[in-house]
Amino acid sequence: MGERLRKLGIRILVSRSTALFQLATDLPAAVLPASSASTSPPPSDGSGPPPETGASSKPRSVYEAPATSKAKTHMPLDDRRTWALLRQLDDPDHLEFPRGYDHTATRALLEQLASRLGQRFQCTCSVDRGVEDASHHGTIVIPQGSTHSGEHITVTVSNFGNLAAVTLGNPGNYAEEEENVLFETADRHRIDGELEALGYVSVSGHLLWTPYDDVSNLGSHYSKYPPRWWTRFFDYL
């Protein structure tokens, strides 16, 4: 994969925040902790919101590409609406989960998503259910050998607003232009279909790496590395 990128003149960048995800995907399933279970199929610095790229009366995935396009690029359909939703969900008094949070319902939805992705990709997905002190509920990893992209895919589910972020590899592994080249359309569409069927709202992972700048005091807890919007809704706090 690195050779493919070098031929295209793209430089590989790795985020500091991917270490835990890398450990989970590198370890054999037999040595993963009890908090990481498996589900098998049943028998951006300082920039503000990007300009609006269009609107649609029909709800669609943030990443959905035009039906007539054969390109691999998956751009947010409407970044302004995404930013509006993120700011609406940002309650300064509730950083880990929102008012009226239903853990049982959120967990049940995560289990359904893991099962459906396992069926779509004909694989066993690793599921991290042991998340605490965080703004996200759990992660699902589709193994590399089951994807067309030649890389594992991580689906991170937030505690807020049925938000979900899909990333090639671990979150932060690839810059946006790298992911546009490597993330196969067939993989992206299969995941988008399952997210939409269960009522999840797919949010661009690259949009979420924008520095956090809203109403909570989240920034006061991060003196060395300022938080990102990813931290606000998809990470440990």
Protein backbone atom coordinates (compact mmCIF):
# COMPACT_ATOMS: atom_id res chain seq x y z
CA MET A 1 0.00 0.00 0.00
CA GLY A 2 2.89 2.36 0.80
CA GLU A 3 4.34 1.67 -2.65
CA ARG A 4 0.98 2.55 -4.25
CA LEU A 5 0.97 5.89 -2.46
CA ARG A 6 4.58 6.68 -3.31
CA LYS A 7 3.89 6.08 -7.00
CA LEU A 8 1.04 8.56 -6.75
CA GLY A 9 3.29 11.11 -5.06
CA ILE A 10 1.37 10.99 -1.77
CA ARG A 11 3.18 11.16 1.57
CA ILE A 12 1.91 8.84 4.33
CA LEU A 13 1.07 10.49 7.67
CA VAL A 14 0.26 8.63 10.87
CA SER A 15 -1.66 10.25 13.72
CA ARG A 16 -0.56 9.97 17.35
CA SER A 17 -4.08 9.00 18.34
CA THR A 18 -4.05 5.66 16.46
CA ALA A 19 -1.88 3.59 18.83
CA LEU A 20 -4.71 1.85 20.68
CA PHE A 21 -6.50 0.99 17.44
CA GLN A 22 -3.28 -0.37 15.94
CA LEU A 23 -2.73 -2.63 18.96
CA ALA A 24 -6.27 -4.00 18.71
CA THR A 25 -5.94 -4.79 15.00
CA ASP A 26 -2.43 -6.30 15.28
CA LEU A 27 -3.12 -8.70 18.16
CA PRO A 28 -4.54 -12.16 17.39
CA ALA A 29 -8.18 -12.56 18.40
CA ALA A 30 -7.22 -15.13 21.05
CA VAL A 31 -5.30 -12.57 23.14
CA LEU A 32 -7.70 -9.66 22.89
CA PRO A 33 -9.15 -8.60 26.27
CA ALA A 34 -12.66 -9.53 27.26
CA SER A 35 -13.79 -6.00 26.47
CA SER A 36 -13.06 -6.64 22.77
CA ALA A 37 -15.42 -9.33 21.54
CA SER A 38 -16.23 -10.67 18.09
CA THR A 39 -19.47 -10.87 16.23
CA SER A 40 -19.88 -13.49 13.50
CA PRO A 41 -22.59 -13.65 10.87
CA PRO A 42 -25.45 -15.90 12.03
CA PRO A 43 -25.62 -19.48 10.67
CA SER A 44 -7.05 20.41 10.18
CA ASP A 45 -5.73 23.30 11.87
CA GLY A 46 -7.81 26.41 12.67
CA SER A 47 -9.99 26.12 9.62
CA GLY A 48 -13.71 26.73 9.85
CA PRO A 49 -16.53 24.85 8.17
CA PRO A 50 -15.91 24.33 4.45
CA PRO A 51 -18.24 25.97 1.95
CA GLU A 52 -21.57 24.31 1.24
CA THR A 53 -21.40 21.82 -1.60
CA GLY A 54 -25.08 21.34 -2.24
CA ALA A 55 -28.33 20.29 -0.60
CA SER A 56 -30.86 17.56 -1.04
CA SER A 57 -34.38 16.99 0.20
CA LYS A 58 -33.62 13.27 0.53
CA PRO A 59 -31.49 12.22 3.54
CA ARG A 60 -28.24 10.70 2.35
CA SER A 61 -24.97 9.61 3.91
CA VAL A 62 -22.48 12.42 4.46
CA TYR A 63 -20.02 10.45 2.34
CA GLU A 64 -22.35 9.40 -0.46
CA ALA A 65 -20.99 9.87 -3.94
CA PRO A 66 -23.15 10.70 -6.97
CA ALA A 67 -24.75 7.57 -8.43
CA THR A 68 -23.20 8.20 -11.86
CA SER A 69 -19.65 8.70 -10.56
CA LYS A 70 -17.08 5.90 -10.80
CA ALA A 71 -14.46 7.81 -8.79
CA LYS A 72 -13.30 6.64 -5.37
CA THR A 73 -13.63 10.10 -3.86
CA HIS A 74 -16.24 10.40 -1.07
CA MET A 75 -16.88 14.03 -0.17
CA PRO A 76 -19.38 15.23 2.43
CA LEU A 77 -22.70 16.01 0.79
CA ASP A 78 -23.33 19.09 2.90
CA ASP A 79 -20.67 20.15 5.39
CA ARG A 80 -22.73 23.08 6.66
CA ARG A 81 -25.50 20.80 7.83
CA THR A 82 -22.91 18.54 9.45
CA TRP A 83 -21.43 21.46 11.38
CA ALA A 84 -24.89 22.60 12.43
CA LEU A 85 -25.65 19.12 13.78
CA LEU A 86 -22.36 18.86 15.68
CA ARG A 87 -22.89 22.23 17.34
CA GLN A 88 -26.47 21.35 18.18
CA LEU A 89 -25.34 18.15 19.93
CA ASP A 90 -22.52 19.90 21.81
CA ASP A 91 -23.97 20.25 25.34
CA PRO A 92 -21.40 21.87 27.67
CA ASP A 93 -22.90 20.07 30.69
CA HIS A 94 -22.77 16.59 29.16
CA LEU A 95 -19.43 15.63 27.65
CA GLU A 96 -19.60 11.81 27.76
CA PHE A 97 -23.21 11.29 26.74
CA PRO A 98 -26.26 13.49 26.10
CA ARG A 99 -29.29 14.18 28.23
CA GLY A 100 -31.65 11.21 28.26
CA TYR A 101 -28.93 8.86 27.07
CA ASP A 102 -30.17 5.26 26.75
CA HIS A 103 -27.18 2.93 27.11
CA THR A 104 -29.22 -0.21 26.46
CA ALA A 105 -30.67 1.09 23.21
CA THR A 106 -27.30 2.43 22.03
CA ARG A 107 -25.64 -0.92 22.75
CA ALA A 108 -28.38 -2.87 20.98
CA LEU A 109 -27.91 -0.71 17.88
CA LEU A 110 -24.14 -1.28 17.96
CA GLU A 111 -24.71 -5.04 18.11
CA GLN A 112 -27.07 -4.89 15.14
CA LEU A 113 -24.55 -2.89 13.13
CA ALA A 114 -21.74 -5.34 13.92
CA SER A 115 -23.90 -8.29 12.89
CA ARG A 116 -25.04 -6.66 9.64
CA LEU A 117 -21.50 -5.62 8.68
CA GLY A 118 -20.31 -9.16 9.37
CA GLN A 119 -22.94 -10.46 6.97
CA ARG A 120 -22.21 -7.87 4.28
CA PHE A 121 -18.45 -8.46 4.38
CA GLN A 122 -18.75 -12.20 5.14
CA CYS A 123 -16.36 -11.95 8.05
CA THR A 124 -15.97 -11.77 11.80
CA CYS A 125 -15.81 -8.14 12.95
CA SER A 126 -13.91 -7.20 16.11
CA VAL A 127 -16.10 -5.15 18.45
CA ASP A 128 -14.78 -2.99 21.30
CA ARG A 129 -17.59 -2.76 23.87
CA GLY A 130 -15.48 -1.89 26.91
CA VAL A 131 -15.34 1.89 26.43
CA GLU A 132 -15.44 4.14 29.51
CA ASP A 133 -14.79 7.83 30.20
CA ALA A 134 -15.35 8.62 26.54
CA SER A 135 -17.68 10.38 24.15
CA HIS A 136 -17.98 7.30 21.93
CA HIS A 137 -19.81 4.05 22.64
CA GLY A 138 -17.68 1.51 20.81
CA THR A 139 -15.83 0.55 17.64
CA ILE A 140 -16.25 -2.12 14.99
CA VAL A 141 -13.28 -3.26 12.91
CA ILE A 142 -13.79 -4.98 9.55
CA PRO A 143 -10.66 -7.10 8.92
CA GLN A 144 -8.31 -6.30 6.07
CA GLY A 145 -8.80 -9.65 4.35
CA SER A 146 -12.52 -8.97 3.86
CA THR A 147 -12.25 -5.54 2.20
CA HIS A 148 -11.55 -4.50 -1.39
CA SER A 149 -9.36 -1.66 -0.08
CA GLY A 150 -6.62 -3.97 1.19
CA GLU A 151 -6.83 -2.38 4.66
CA HIS A 152 -9.01 -2.89 7.71
CA ILE A 153 -11.86 -0.42 8.19
CA THR A 154 -12.89 1.10 11.52
CA VAL A 155 -16.43 2.22 12.32
CA THR A 156 -16.60 4.37 15.46
CA VAL A 157 -20.02 4.91 17.05
CA SER A 158 -20.61 8.01 19.17
CA ASN A 159 -22.77 8.34 22.28
CA PHE A 160 -24.35 11.38 20.64
CA GLY A 161 -27.08 11.60 18.03
CA ASN A 162 -26.47 8.19 16.38
CA LEU A 163 -23.28 9.63 14.88
CA ALA A 164 -20.87 7.22 13.21
CA ALA A 165 -17.45 7.83 11.66
CA VAL A 166 -15.94 5.45 9.10
CA THR A 167 -12.17 5.48 8.58
CA LEU A 168 -9.80 3.45 6.44
CA GLY A 169 -7.39 1.79 8.85
CA ASN A 170 -7.28 3.37 12.28
CA PRO A 171 -8.76 6.85 12.84
CA GLY A 172 -6.21 9.42 11.71
CA ASN A 173 -4.03 6.95 9.76
CA TYR A 174 -4.56 8.59 6.38
CA ALA A 175 -4.81 12.15 5.16
CA GLU A 176 -7.97 12.90 3.21
CA GLU A 177 -6.31 12.73 -0.21
CA GLU A 178 -4.73 9.38 0.68
CA GLU A 179 -8.03 7.91 1.82
CA ASN A 180 -9.78 9.14 -1.32
CA VAL A 181 -7.33 7.11 -3.38
CA LEU A 182 -7.24 3.95 -1.27
CA PHE A 183 -10.79 3.60 0.10
CA GLU A 184 -12.63 1.50 -2.49
CA THR A 185 -16.14 2.63 -3.43
CA ALA A 186 -17.53 -0.89 -3.01
CA ASP A 187 -16.45 -0.98 0.65
CA ARG A 188 -17.74 2.51 1.35
CA HIS A 189 -21.16 1.86 -0.15
CA ARG A 190 -21.66 -1.41 1.72
CA ILE A 191 -20.96 0.31 5.03
CA ASP A 192 -23.06 3.36 4.18
CA GLY A 193 -26.00 1.11 3.35
CA GLU A 194 -25.92 -0.57 6.77
CA LEU A 195 -25.50 2.72 8.62
CA GLU A 196 -28.44 4.26 6.79
CA ALA A 197 -30.62 1.19 7.39
CA LEU A 198 -30.12 1.49 11.16
CA GLY A 199 -30.58 5.26 11.31
CA TYR A 200 -26.95 6.25 11.90
CA VAL A 201 -25.66 9.62 10.69
CA SER A 202 -22.32 9.20 8.92
CA VAL A 203 -19.89 12.06 9.62
CA SER A 204 -16.65 12.74 7.76
CA GLY A 205 -13.72 11.67 9.89
CA HIS A 206 -11.56 14.32 8.22
CA LEU A 207 -14.03 17.05 9.11
CA LEU A 208 -13.78 15.94 12.75
CA TRP A 209 -10.03 16.60 12.93
CA THR A 210 -10.77 20.33 12.87
CA PRO A 211 -9.73 21.95 16.22
CA TYR A 212 -12.61 22.04 18.69
CA ASP A 213 -13.95 25.58 19.19
CA ASP A 214 -17.44 25.38 20.67
CA VAL A 215 -19.30 25.95 23.95
CA SER A 216 -17.91 23.38 26.41
CA ASN A 217 -14.75 23.76 28.50
CA LEU A 218 -13.24 20.66 26.88
CA GLY A 219 -10.17 22.61 25.80
CA SER A 220 -9.19 23.40 29.40
CA HIS A 221 -8.38 19.71 29.95
CA TYR A 222 -5.90 19.54 27.07
CA SER A 223 -2.99 21.89 27.63
CA LYS A 224 -0.40 20.15 25.39
CA TYR A 225 -2.56 18.95 22.50
CA PRO A 226 -5.77 20.96 21.95
CA PRO A 227 -8.84 18.76 21.39
CA ARG A 228 -10.44 18.20 18.02
CA TRP A 229 -14.07 17.69 17.14
CA TRP A 230 -13.14 14.01 16.96
CA THR A 231 -12.30 14.22 20.68
CA ARG A 232 -15.64 15.81 21.42
CA PHE A 233 -17.75 13.00 19.95
CA PHE A 234 -15.54 9.99 19.11
CA ASP A 235 -12.70 9.62 21.59
CA TYR A 236 -11.67 9.14 25.21
CA LEU A 237 -11.99 12.27 27.36
